[in-house]
C-alpha atoms as a PDB file:
ATOM      1  CA  MET A   1       0.332  -0.538   0.337  1.00  0.00           C
ATOM      2  CA  ASN A   2       2.907   2.405   1.074  1.00  0.00           C
ATOM      3  CA  LYS A   3       4.201   2.156  -2.854  1.00  0.00           C
ATOM      4  CA  LYS A   4       0.586   2.376  -4.188  1.00  0.00           C
ATOM      5  CA  LEU A   5       0.570   5.599  -1.631  1.00  0.00           C
ATOM      6  CA  ILE A   6       3.805   7.181  -3.300  1.00  0.00           C
ATOM      7  CA  VAL A   7       3.261   6.337  -6.616  1.00  0.00           C
ATOM      8  CA  SER A   8      -0.306   8.513  -6.559  1.00  0.00           C
ATOM      9  CA  LEU A   9       1.557  11.118  -4.536  1.00  0.00           C
ATOM     10  CA  ALA A  10       4.152  11.441  -6.734  1.00  0.00           C
ATOM     11  CA  LEU A  11       1.766  11.181 -10.083  1.00  0.00           C
ATOM     12  CA  ILE A  12      -0.197  14.415  -8.596  1.00  0.00           C
ATOM     13  CA  GLY A  13       2.714  16.069  -7.719  1.00  0.00           C
ATOM     14  CA  VAL A  14       3.517  15.166 -11.660  1.00  0.00           C
ATOM     15  CA  LEU A  15      -0.045  16.535 -12.761  1.00  0.00           C
ATOM     16  CA  ALA A  16       0.296  19.799 -10.254  1.00  0.00           C
ATOM     17  CA  PHE A  17       3.970  20.539 -11.409  1.00  0.00           C
ATOM     18  CA  GLY A  18       1.339  20.807 -14.550  1.00  0.00           C
ATOM     19  CA  ALA A  19      -0.920  22.348 -14.013  1.00  0.00           C
ATOM     20  CA  GLY A  20       1.761  24.660 -12.391  1.00  0.00           C
ATOM     21  CA  LEU A  21       3.688  26.093 -15.360  1.00  0.00           C
ATOM     22  CA  GLY A  22       0.910  26.674 -17.168  1.00  0.00           C
ATOM     23  CA  SER A  23      -0.409  29.410 -15.113  1.00  0.00           C
ATOM     24  CA  TYR A  24       3.190  31.731 -16.034  1.00  0.00           C
ATOM     25  CA  ALA A  25       2.472  35.621 -16.098  1.00  0.00           C
ATOM     26  CA  TRP A  26       4.834  35.703 -19.831  1.00  0.00           C
ATOM     27  CA  PHE A  27       4.659  39.484 -21.284  1.00  0.00           C
ATOM     28  CA  THR A  28       3.741  40.403 -23.915  1.00  0.00           C
ATOM     29  CA  SER A  29       3.028  43.622 -26.035  1.00  0.00           C
ATOM     30  CA  THR A  30       1.178  44.639 -29.014  1.00  0.00           C
ATOM     31  CA  ALA A  31       2.122  47.174 -31.673  1.00  0.00           C
ATOM     32  CA  THR A  32      -1.068  47.942 -34.909  1.00  0.00           C
ATOM     33  CA  SER A  33       0.207  49.884 -38.551  1.00  0.00           C
ATOM     34  CA  SER A  34      -2.482  51.200 -38.892  1.00  0.00           C
ATOM     35  CA  ASP A  35      -3.839  53.608 -42.981  1.00  0.00           C
ATOM     36  CA  ASN A  36      -1.507  51.678 -44.717  1.00  0.00           C
ATOM     37  CA  LEU A  37      -2.271  53.126 -48.650  1.00  0.00           C
ATOM     38  CA  PHE A  38      -2.248  52.007 -51.821  1.00  0.00           C
ATOM     39  CA  GLU A  39      -3.040  52.709 -54.058  1.00  0.00           C
ATOM     40  CA  THR A  40      -2.192  51.216 -58.717  1.00  0.00           C
ATOM     41  CA  GLY A  41      -0.986  53.844 -61.031  1.00  0.00           C
ATOM     42  CA  THR A  42      -2.148  55.181 -64.437  1.00  0.00           C
ATOM     43  CA  LEU A  43      -1.041  54.327 -68.205  1.00  0.00           C
ATOM     44  CA  VAL A  44      -3.016  56.309 -70.065  1.00  0.00           C
ATOM     45  CA  ILE A  45      -1.907  57.265 -74.138  1.00  0.00           C
ATOM     46  CA  ASN A  46      -3.194  60.091 -76.223  1.00  0.00           C
ATOM     47  CA  VAL A  47      -2.570  61.610 -79.659  1.00  0.00           C
ATOM     48  CA  ASP A  48      -4.664  63.642 -80.944  1.00  0.00           C
ATOM     49  CA  SER A  49      -7.601  62.052 -83.536  1.00  0.00           C
ATOM     50  CA  PRO A  50      -7.309  62.313 -86.504  1.00  0.00           C
ATOM     51  CA  ILE A  51      -3.875  61.553 -86.501  1.00  0.00           C
ATOM     52  CA  PHE A  52      -3.397  63.684 -89.823  1.00  0.00           C
ATOM     53  CA  ALA A  53      -6.322  66.727 -89.003  1.00  0.00           C
ATOM     54  CA  GLU A  54      -3.789  69.465 -90.195  1.00  0.00           C
ATOM     55  CA  ALA A  55      -2.254  67.238 -92.577  1.00  0.00           C
ATOM     56  CA  ASP A  56      -3.617  67.699 -96.132  1.00  0.00           C
ATOM     57  CA  PHE A  57      -2.832  64.213 -97.952  1.00  0.00           C
ATOM     58  CA  SER A  58      -4.845  65.334-101.164  1.00  0.00           C
ATOM     59  CA  ASN A  59      -4.403  65.843-104.738  1.00  0.00           C
ATOM     60  CA  ILE A  60      -1.268  62.689-104.498  1.00  0.00           C
ATOM     61  CA  TYR A  61       0.432  61.009-107.223  1.00  0.00           C
ATOM     62  CA  PRO A  62       3.095  58.922-108.329  1.00  0.00           C
ATOM     63  CA  SER A  63       6.659  60.208-106.916  1.00  0.00           C
ATOM     64  CA  TRP A  64       4.896  62.116-104.274  1.00  0.00           C
ATOM     65  CA  ASN A  65       5.506  61.971-100.561  1.00  0.00           C
ATOM     66  CA  SER A  66       4.852  64.130 -98.242  1.00  0.00           C
ATOM     67  CA  GLY A  67       7.346  65.051 -96.048  1.00  0.00           C
ATOM     68  CA  VAL A  68       8.735  64.265 -92.158  1.00  0.00           C
ATOM     69  CA  LYS A  69       5.792  64.809 -90.268  1.00  0.00           C
ATOM     70  CA  THR A  70       6.192  64.818 -86.476  1.00  0.00           C
ATOM     71  CA  TYR A  71       3.854  64.164 -84.000  1.00  0.00           C
ATOM     72  CA  GLU A  72       3.216  64.574 -79.965  1.00  0.00           C
ATOM     73  CA  ILE A  73       2.674  60.630 -78.101  1.00  0.00           C
ATOM     74  CA  ARG A  74       1.087  61.468 -74.550  1.00  0.00           C
ATOM     75  CA  ASN A  75       2.087  59.526 -71.385  1.00  0.00           C
ATOM     76  CA  GLU A  76      -0.587  61.782 -69.441  1.00  0.00           C
ATOM     77  CA  GLY A  77      -0.808  58.627 -66.576  1.00  0.00           C
ATOM     78  CA  THR A  78       1.524  58.197 -63.713  1.00  0.00           C
ATOM     79  CA  LEU A  79       2.941  54.671 -64.857  1.00  0.00           C
ATOM     80  CA  ALA A  80       5.657  54.155 -68.041  1.00  0.00           C
ATOM     81  CA  LEU A  81       4.948  52.784 -70.743  1.00  0.00           C
ATOM     82  CA  LYS A  82       5.851  51.067 -73.707  1.00  0.00           C
ATOM     83  CA  TYR A  83       3.995  51.459 -77.046  1.00  0.00           C
ATOM     84  CA  ARG A  84       3.483  50.188 -79.933  1.00  0.00           C
ATOM     85  CA  MET A  85       1.332  51.634 -83.126  1.00  0.00           C
ATOM     86  CA  THR A  86      -0.851  49.579 -86.018  1.00  0.00           C
ATOM     87  CA  VAL A  87      -1.819  50.782 -89.538  1.00  0.00           C
ATOM     88  CA  GLN A  88      -5.034  49.268 -90.890  1.00  0.00           C
ATOM     89  CA  GLY A  89      -7.292  49.837 -93.311  1.00  0.00           C
ATOM     90  CA  ASP A  90      -9.690  48.196 -95.678  1.00  0.00           C
ATOM     91  CA  GLU A  91      -8.760  45.178 -97.950  1.00  0.00           C
ATOM     92  CA  GLY A  92      -9.173  45.881-101.379  1.00  0.00           C
ATOM     93  CA  GLU A  93      -8.502  49.871-101.493  1.00  0.00           C
ATOM     94  CA  LEU A  94      -5.868  50.447-103.879  1.00  0.00           C
ATOM     95  CA  LEU A  95      -3.983  52.586-101.363  1.00  0.00           C
ATOM     96  CA  PHE A  96      -3.620  49.862 -99.064  1.00  0.00           C
ATOM     97  CA  ASP A  97      -2.600  46.226-100.482  1.00  0.00           C
ATOM     98  CA  GLY A  98      -3.069  47.482-104.434  1.00  0.00           C
ATOM     99  CA  PRO A  99      -0.050  46.451-106.558  1.00  0.00           C
ATOM    100  CA  THR A 100       1.337  49.562-105.640  1.00  0.00           C
ATOM    101  CA  PRO A 101      -0.206  50.962-102.761  1.00  0.00           C
ATOM    102  CA  LEU A 102       0.428  53.660-100.435  1.00  0.00           C
ATOM    103  CA  GLN A 103       3.736  53.293 -98.835  1.00  0.00           C
ATOM    104  CA  VAL A 104       5.127  54.370 -94.519  1.00  0.00           C
ATOM    105  CA  LYS A 105       8.268  55.085 -92.697  1.00  0.00           C
ATOM    106  CA  ILE A 106       7.959  55.123 -89.704  1.00  0.00           C
ATOM    107  CA  ASN A 107      10.389  57.532 -87.168  1.00  0.00           C
ATOM    108  CA  ASP A 108      13.984  56.347 -88.552  1.00  0.00           C
ATOM    109  CA  ASN A 109      12.451  52.372 -90.623  1.00  0.00           C
ATOM    110  CA  ASP A 110      12.974  52.311 -94.264  1.00  0.00           C
ATOM    111  CA  PHE A 111      10.125  52.591 -96.241  1.00  0.00           C
ATOM    112  CA  VAL A 112       7.429  49.159 -96.116  1.00  0.00           C
ATOM    113  CA  ASP A 113       3.704  49.549 -98.486  1.00  0.00           C
ATOM    114  CA  ILE A 114       1.445  50.156 -95.911  1.00  0.00           C
ATOM    115  CA  ASP A 115      -0.278  47.106 -96.142  1.00  0.00           C
ATOM    116  CA  GLN A 116       3.175  45.271 -94.655  1.00  0.00           C
ATOM    117  CA  ALA A 117       3.402  48.101 -91.183  1.00  0.00           C
ATOM    118  CA  GLY A 118       2.325  45.738 -89.354  1.00  0.00           C
ATOM    119  CA  THR A 119       2.954  46.164 -85.202  1.00  0.00           C
ATOM    120  CA  VAL A 120       5.900  48.368 -84.882  1.00  0.00           C
ATOM    121  CA  TYR A 121       7.098  49.254 -81.229  1.00  0.00           C
ATOM    122  CA  ILE A 122       7.964  52.868 -80.605  1.00  0.00           C
ATOM    123  CA  GLY A 123       8.935  52.454 -77.737  1.00  0.00           C
ATOM    124  CA  GLU A 124       9.153  53.863 -74.450  1.00  0.00           C
ATOM    125  CA  ILE A 125       7.834  57.605 -72.464  1.00  0.00           C
ATOM    126  CA  GLU A 126       7.714  58.068 -68.432  1.00  0.00           C
ATOM    127  CA  ALA A 127       5.133  59.695 -67.258  1.00  0.00           C
ATOM    128  CA  GLY A 128       4.267  62.864 -67.725  1.00  0.00           C
ATOM    129  CA  GLN A 129       6.037  63.356 -70.314  1.00  0.00           C
ATOM    130  CA  THR A 130       5.839  62.709 -74.642  1.00  0.00           C
ATOM    131  CA  ASP A 131       7.388  61.663 -77.671  1.00  0.00           C
ATOM    132  CA  GLY A 132       7.347  62.358 -80.807  1.00  0.00           C
ATOM    133  CA  LEU A 133       6.163  59.867 -83.450  1.00  0.00           C
ATOM    134  CA  GLN A 134       8.108  61.059 -87.413  1.00  0.00           C
ATOM    135  CA  LEU A 135       5.324  59.718 -90.380  1.00  0.00           C
ATOM    136  CA  GLN A 136       7.000  59.777 -93.973  1.00  0.00           C
ATOM    137  CA  PHE A 137       3.808  58.765 -96.632  1.00  0.00           C
ATOM    138  CA  ARG A 138       5.083  58.074-100.322  1.00  0.00           C
ATOM    139  CA  LEU A 139       3.442  57.211-103.562  1.00  0.00           C
ATOM    140  CA  PRO A 140       5.662  54.864-105.404  1.00  0.00           C
ATOM    141  CA  GLU A 141       5.820  55.699-109.371  1.00  0.00           C
ATOM    142  CA  GLU A 142       5.066  52.507-110.396  1.00  0.00           C
ATOM    143  CA  ALA A 143       2.072  54.143-110.043  1.00  0.00           C
ATOM    144  CA  ASP A 144      -0.559  54.123-112.675  1.00  0.00           C
ATOM    145  CA  ASN A 145      -3.584  54.638-114.389  1.00  0.00           C
ATOM    146  CA  ASP A 146      -5.970  53.181-111.703  1.00  0.00           C
ATOM    147  CA  TYR A 147      -4.489  55.075-108.684  1.00  0.00           C
ATOM    148  CA  GLN A 148      -6.417  57.746-110.412  1.00  0.00           C
ATOM    149  CA  GLU A 149      -9.515  59.580-108.086  1.00  0.00           C
ATOM    150  CA  GLU A 150      -8.051  56.845-105.402  1.00  0.00           C
ATOM    151  CA  ASN A 151      -8.643  57.743-101.669  1.00  0.00           C
ATOM    152  CA  ALA A 152      -8.893  55.502 -98.345  1.00  0.00           C
ATOM    153  CA  SER A 153      -8.755  55.893 -94.593  1.00  0.00           C
ATOM    154  CA  PHE A 154      -6.467  54.347 -91.936  1.00  0.00           C
ATOM    155  CA  THR A 155      -6.397  53.626 -88.459  1.00  0.00           C
ATOM    156  CA  PHE A 156      -3.274  54.014 -86.358  1.00  0.00           C
ATOM    157  CA  VAL A 157      -3.777  51.772 -83.135  1.00  0.00           C
ATOM    158  CA  PHE A 158      -1.730  53.075 -79.867  1.00  0.00           C
ATOM    159  CA  GLU A 159      -0.893  50.554 -77.632  1.00  0.00           C
ATOM    160  CA  ALA A 160       0.633  51.322 -74.282  1.00  0.00           C
ATOM    161  CA  THR A 161       2.123  48.861 -71.544  1.00  0.00           C
ATOM    162  CA  GLN A 162       3.757  49.420 -68.194  1.00  0.00           C
ATOM    163  CA  VAL A 163       7.521  49.611 -68.972  1.00  0.00           C
ATOM    164  CA  GLU A 164       7.797  46.421 -66.613  1.00  0.00           C
ATOM    165  CA  ASN A 165       5.691  44.174 -68.462  1.00  0.00           C
ATOM    166  CA  PRO A 166       7.152  41.192 -69.301  1.00  0.00           C
ATOM    167  CA  GLY A 167       4.653  39.188 -70.903  1.00  0.00           C
ATOM    168  CA  TRP A 168       3.836  42.125 -73.554  1.00  0.00           C
ATOM    169  CA  ASN A 169       4.690  40.771 -76.880  1.00  0.00           C
ATOM    170  CA  GLU A 170       6.583  43.546 -78.521  1.00  0.00           C
ATOM    171  CA  ALA A 171       5.279  43.760 -82.374  1.00  0.00           C
ATOM    172  CA  GLY A 172       1.648  42.463 -81.362  1.00  0.00           C
ATOM    173  CA  GLN A 173       1.510  38.667 -82.432  1.00  0.00           C
END
């Protein structure tokens, strides 16, 4: 019996000691940082529309050349951007996709048939800044009498994304 009493007292002592461990006080502290604001930026590219409102491209003829025109592209957002341009026209218009269509030169690139210009990467613009886009047009000397009294309307589409966008294909493909 003595043995059972000793074992019982020992067991009660261990349990009491374990229960006492949970009642010790530990110092703790909590700090709060409130009103932390996260705000997204804006991405806004702007170009005068129509881009060639001040230019007169009437009465053109074979070997006609518009000369270099510089147009202002503005980043009116708060983020730096990179941008590209695509020229769109209507299929079946001689000046767009005829045998000797109108040609375009974008910045320092070579002249290309306007229907073959595709999507052209232009560059980057810092927030609140502008970029000068240079365009030049010409009708090749090879354009024949079929081109008399023809007209075409072209759309210039500007697409922009933030500079840090690694998944953006500059050629638009």
